[in-house]
Amino acid sequence: MLNKILYVEDEPDIQTVARMALEVVGGFNVEVCSSGSEALEKVVDYAPDLILMDVMMPHMDGPATLVELRKLEALDGVPVIFMTAKVQPDEVKEYKAIGAVDVIPKPFDPMSLPETVKRIWAEQCEKTVC
């Protein structure tokens, strides 16, 4: 069951909007991290069901963070969805090649974000055991 989301986003305004949408509209428990390194520090203790992550972040971008996350045994099988404005087909293909299950384009509709996340989760569950 999808309940806990680790959300990694460096922009405070986007953090606020997405968190409200996911918690208030979607009913999820959300832990927000402002950087890839913060996500790596919190992720094992938080034990998310899903990770939602920005691509473009300073110091450690989303793809670099995902590569590091995949090295953690405790996160084996935890789906990662990128949220980004960089959604050209070759970019999306690259994200999926390193282990992202899907990409949500920015700007996103806050009211439909929870349903989009649930849809991607359900599609992933059809492929694996959730």
C-alpha atoms as a PDB file:
ATOM      1  CA  MET A   1       0.000   0.000   0.000  1.00  0.00           C
ATOM      2  CA  LEU A   2       1.279   3.442  -0.910  1.00  0.00           C
ATOM      3  CA  ASN A   3       1.407   5.648   2.173  1.00  0.00           C
ATOM      4  CA  LYS A   4       4.862   7.167   2.766  1.00  0.00           C
ATOM      5  CA  ILE A   5       6.503   9.366   0.132  1.00  0.00           C
ATOM      6  CA  LEU A   6       9.986  10.845   0.335  1.00  0.00           C
ATOM      7  CA  TYR A   7       9.855  14.041  -1.715  1.00  0.00           C
ATOM      8  CA  VAL A   8      13.175  15.556  -2.828  1.00  0.00           C
ATOM      9  CA  GLU A   9      12.947  19.121  -4.181  1.00  0.00           C
ATOM     10  CA  ASP A  10      15.262  22.107  -3.714  1.00  0.00           C
ATOM     11  CA  GLU A  11      12.744  24.888  -4.474  1.00  0.00           C
ATOM     12  CA  PRO A  12      10.755  25.865  -1.316  1.00  0.00           C
ATOM     13  CA  ASP A  13       7.683  27.089  -3.238  1.00  0.00           C
ATOM     14  CA  ILE A  14       7.415  23.861  -5.228  1.00  0.00           C
ATOM     15  CA  GLN A  15       7.998  21.850  -2.025  1.00  0.00           C
ATOM     16  CA  THR A  16       5.077  23.586  -0.346  1.00  0.00           C
ATOM     17  CA  VAL A  17       2.636  23.155  -3.223  1.00  0.00           C
ATOM     18  CA  ALA A  18       3.525  19.517  -3.870  1.00  0.00           C
ATOM     19  CA  ARG A  19       3.541  18.596  -0.192  1.00  0.00           C
ATOM     20  CA  MET A  20       0.102  20.144   0.356  1.00  0.00           C
ATOM     21  CA  ALA A  21      -1.262  18.360  -2.706  1.00  0.00           C
ATOM     22  CA  LEU A  22       0.174  15.006  -1.655  1.00  0.00           C
ATOM     23  CA  GLU A  23      -0.875  15.295   2.001  1.00  0.00           C
ATOM     24  CA  VAL A  24      -4.189  17.156   1.829  1.00  0.00           C
ATOM     25  CA  VAL A  25      -5.566  15.906  -1.492  1.00  0.00           C
ATOM     26  CA  GLY A  26      -3.789  12.544  -1.623  1.00  0.00           C
ATOM     27  CA  GLY A  27      -3.732  11.618   2.058  1.00  0.00           C
ATOM     28  CA  PHE A  28      -0.067  10.582   1.946  1.00  0.00           C
ATOM     29  CA  ASN A  29       2.537  10.982   4.670  1.00  0.00           C
ATOM     30  CA  VAL A  30       5.325  13.067   3.116  1.00  0.00           C
ATOM     31  CA  GLU A  31       8.890  13.664   4.246  1.00  0.00           C
ATOM     32  CA  VAL A  32      10.504  16.535   2.343  1.00  0.00           C
ATOM     33  CA  CYS A  33      14.225  16.775   1.624  1.00  0.00           C
ATOM     34  CA  SER A  34      15.851  19.810   0.034  1.00  0.00           C
ATOM     35  CA  SER A  35      18.788  18.001  -1.561  1.00  0.00           C
ATOM     36  CA  GLY A  36      20.025  14.651  -2.744  1.00  0.00           C
ATOM     37  CA  SER A  37      22.455  14.416   0.161  1.00  0.00           C
ATOM     38  CA  GLU A  38      19.654  15.103   2.664  1.00  0.00           C
ATOM     39  CA  ALA A  39      17.573  12.388   1.010  1.00  0.00           C
ATOM     40  CA  LEU A  40      20.432   9.913   1.382  1.00  0.00           C
ATOM     41  CA  GLU A  41      20.675  10.789   5.090  1.00  0.00           C
ATOM     42  CA  LYS A  42      16.937  10.366   5.798  1.00  0.00           C
ATOM     43  CA  VAL A  43      15.759   7.680   3.413  1.00  0.00           C
ATOM     44  CA  VAL A  44      16.623   4.497   5.314  1.00  0.00           C
ATOM     45  CA  ASP A  45      15.110   5.663   8.620  1.00  0.00           C
ATOM     46  CA  TYR A  46      11.999   7.036   6.902  1.00  0.00           C
ATOM     47  CA  ALA A  47      11.520   3.841   4.843  1.00  0.00           C
ATOM     48  CA  PRO A  48       9.355   5.347   2.086  1.00  0.00           C
ATOM     49  CA  ASP A  49       7.033   3.369  -0.130  1.00  0.00           C
ATOM     50  CA  LEU A  50       7.927   5.679  -3.022  1.00  0.00           C
ATOM     51  CA  ILE A  51      10.442   8.440  -3.770  1.00  0.00           C
ATOM     52  CA  LEU A  52       9.396  11.496  -5.771  1.00  0.00           C
ATOM     53  CA  MET A  53      12.423  13.540  -6.845  1.00  0.00           C
ATOM     54  CA  ASP A  54      13.396  16.625  -8.798  1.00  0.00           C
ATOM     55  CA  VAL A  55      16.029  16.181 -11.508  1.00  0.00           C
ATOM     56  CA  MET A  56      17.735  19.570 -11.416  1.00  0.00           C
ATOM     57  CA  MET A  57      19.196  20.243  -7.970  1.00  0.00           C
ATOM     58  CA  PRO A  58      22.508  21.835  -6.993  1.00  0.00           C
ATOM     59  CA  HIS A  59      25.477  19.747  -5.830  1.00  0.00           C
ATOM     60  CA  MET A  60      23.837  16.344  -6.371  1.00  0.00           C
ATOM     61  CA  ASP A  61      21.152  16.205  -9.044  1.00  0.00           C
ATOM     62  CA  GLY A  62      18.316  13.700  -9.175  1.00  0.00           C
ATOM     63  CA  PRO A  63      20.026  11.143 -11.427  1.00  0.00           C
ATOM     64  CA  ALA A  64      23.188  11.151  -9.253  1.00  0.00           C
ATOM     65  CA  THR A  65      21.010  10.767  -6.153  1.00  0.00           C
ATOM     66  CA  LEU A  66      19.129   7.868  -7.719  1.00  0.00           C
ATOM     67  CA  VAL A  67      22.389   6.080  -8.503  1.00  0.00           C
ATOM     68  CA  GLU A  68      23.393   6.393  -4.838  1.00  0.00           C
ATOM     69  CA  LEU A  69      19.931   5.357  -3.586  1.00  0.00           C
ATOM     70  CA  ARG A  70      20.102   2.170  -5.652  1.00  0.00           C
ATOM     71  CA  LYS A  71      23.235   1.155  -3.718  1.00  0.00           C
ATOM     72  CA  LEU A  72      21.220   0.933  -0.479  1.00  0.00           C
ATOM     73  CA  GLU A  73      19.857  -2.581   0.103  1.00  0.00           C
ATOM     74  CA  ALA A  74      17.055  -1.247   2.302  1.00  0.00           C
ATOM     75  CA  LEU A  75      15.612   0.528  -0.749  1.00  0.00           C
ATOM     76  CA  ASP A  76      15.532  -2.458  -3.032  1.00  0.00           C
ATOM     77  CA  GLY A  77      12.283  -2.253  -4.962  1.00  0.00           C
ATOM     78  CA  VAL A  78      11.292   1.246  -3.810  1.00  0.00           C
ATOM     79  CA  PRO A  79      10.062   3.037  -6.950  1.00  0.00           C
ATOM     80  CA  VAL A  80      11.488   6.431  -7.862  1.00  0.00           C
ATOM     81  CA  ILE A  81       9.563   8.961  -9.950  1.00  0.00           C
ATOM     82  CA  PHE A  82      11.276  12.051 -11.297  1.00  0.00           C
ATOM     83  CA  MET A  83       9.478  15.400 -11.498  1.00  0.00           C
ATOM     84  CA  THR A  84      11.126  17.706 -14.007  1.00  0.00           C
ATOM     85  CA  ALA A  85      10.747  20.146 -16.864  1.00  0.00           C
ATOM     86  CA  LYS A  86      13.389  18.117 -18.727  1.00  0.00           C
ATOM     87  CA  VAL A  87      11.068  15.659 -20.443  1.00  0.00           C
ATOM     88  CA  GLN A  88      12.458  15.252 -23.946  1.00  0.00           C
ATOM     89  CA  PRO A  89      12.194  11.595 -25.037  1.00  0.00           C
ATOM     90  CA  ASP A  90      15.956  11.026 -24.802  1.00  0.00           C
ATOM     91  CA  GLU A  91      16.001  12.514 -21.289  1.00  0.00           C
ATOM     92  CA  VAL A  92      13.096  10.335 -20.113  1.00  0.00           C
ATOM     93  CA  LYS A  93      14.812   7.300 -21.623  1.00  0.00           C
ATOM     94  CA  GLU A  94      17.978   8.164 -19.661  1.00  0.00           C
ATOM     95  CA  TYR A  95      16.042   8.505 -16.381  1.00  0.00           C
ATOM     96  CA  LYS A  96      14.395   5.138 -16.884  1.00  0.00           C
ATOM     97  CA  ALA A  97      17.717   3.546 -17.843  1.00  0.00           C
ATOM     98  CA  ILE A  98      19.149   4.441 -14.418  1.00  0.00           C
ATOM     99  CA  GLY A  99      16.094   3.124 -12.588  1.00  0.00           C
ATOM    100  CA  ALA A 100      13.293   5.703 -12.504  1.00  0.00           C
ATOM    101  CA  VAL A 101       9.886   4.122 -13.030  1.00  0.00           C
ATOM    102  CA  ASP A 102       8.332   7.217 -14.594  1.00  0.00           C
ATOM    103  CA  VAL A 103       8.527  10.987 -15.021  1.00  0.00           C
ATOM    104  CA  ILE A 104       5.974  13.639 -14.055  1.00  0.00           C
ATOM    105  CA  PRO A 105       6.409  16.826 -16.110  1.00  0.00           C
ATOM    106  CA  LYS A 106       6.770  20.224 -14.463  1.00  0.00           C
ATOM    107  CA  PRO A 107       4.871  22.385 -14.146  1.00  0.00           C
ATOM    108  CA  PHE A 108       2.409  19.938 -12.608  1.00  0.00           C
ATOM    109  CA  ASP A 109      -1.237  20.302 -11.626  1.00  0.00           C
ATOM    110  CA  PRO A 110      -1.351  20.125  -7.807  1.00  0.00           C
ATOM    111  CA  MET A 111      -4.902  18.791  -7.800  1.00  0.00           C
ATOM    112  CA  SER A 112      -4.056  15.866 -10.085  1.00  0.00           C
ATOM    113  CA  LEU A 113      -0.574  15.124  -8.681  1.00  0.00           C
ATOM    114  CA  PRO A 114      -1.784  12.570  -6.092  1.00  0.00           C
ATOM    115  CA  GLU A 115      -3.802  10.667  -8.704  1.00  0.00           C
ATOM    116  CA  THR A 116      -0.842  10.680 -11.090  1.00  0.00           C
ATOM    117  CA  VAL A 117       1.389   9.251  -8.365  1.00  0.00           C
ATOM    118  CA  LYS A 118      -1.241   6.600  -7.506  1.00  0.00           C
ATOM    119  CA  ARG A 119      -1.567   5.644 -11.184  1.00  0.00           C
ATOM    120  CA  ILE A 120       2.190   5.236 -11.594  1.00  0.00           C
ATOM    121  CA  TRP A 121       2.313   3.237  -8.338  1.00  0.00           C
ATOM    122  CA  ALA A 122      -0.466   0.918  -9.568  1.00  0.00           C
ATOM    123  CA  GLU A 123       1.279   0.426 -12.917  1.00  0.00           C
ATOM    124  CA  GLN A 124       4.508  -0.410 -11.102  1.00  0.00           C
ATOM    125  CA  CYS A 125       2.685  -2.865  -8.832  1.00  0.00           C
ATOM    126  CA  GLU A 126       1.422  -4.734 -11.878  1.00  0.00           C
ATOM    127  CA  LYS A 127       5.058  -5.348 -12.854  1.00  0.00           C
ATOM    128  CA  THR A 128       6.404  -6.183  -9.385  1.00  0.00           C
ATOM    129  CA  VAL A 129       5.173  -7.203  -5.949  1.00  0.00           C
ATOM    130  CA  CYS A 130       4.016  -4.232  -3.860  1.00  0.00           C
END
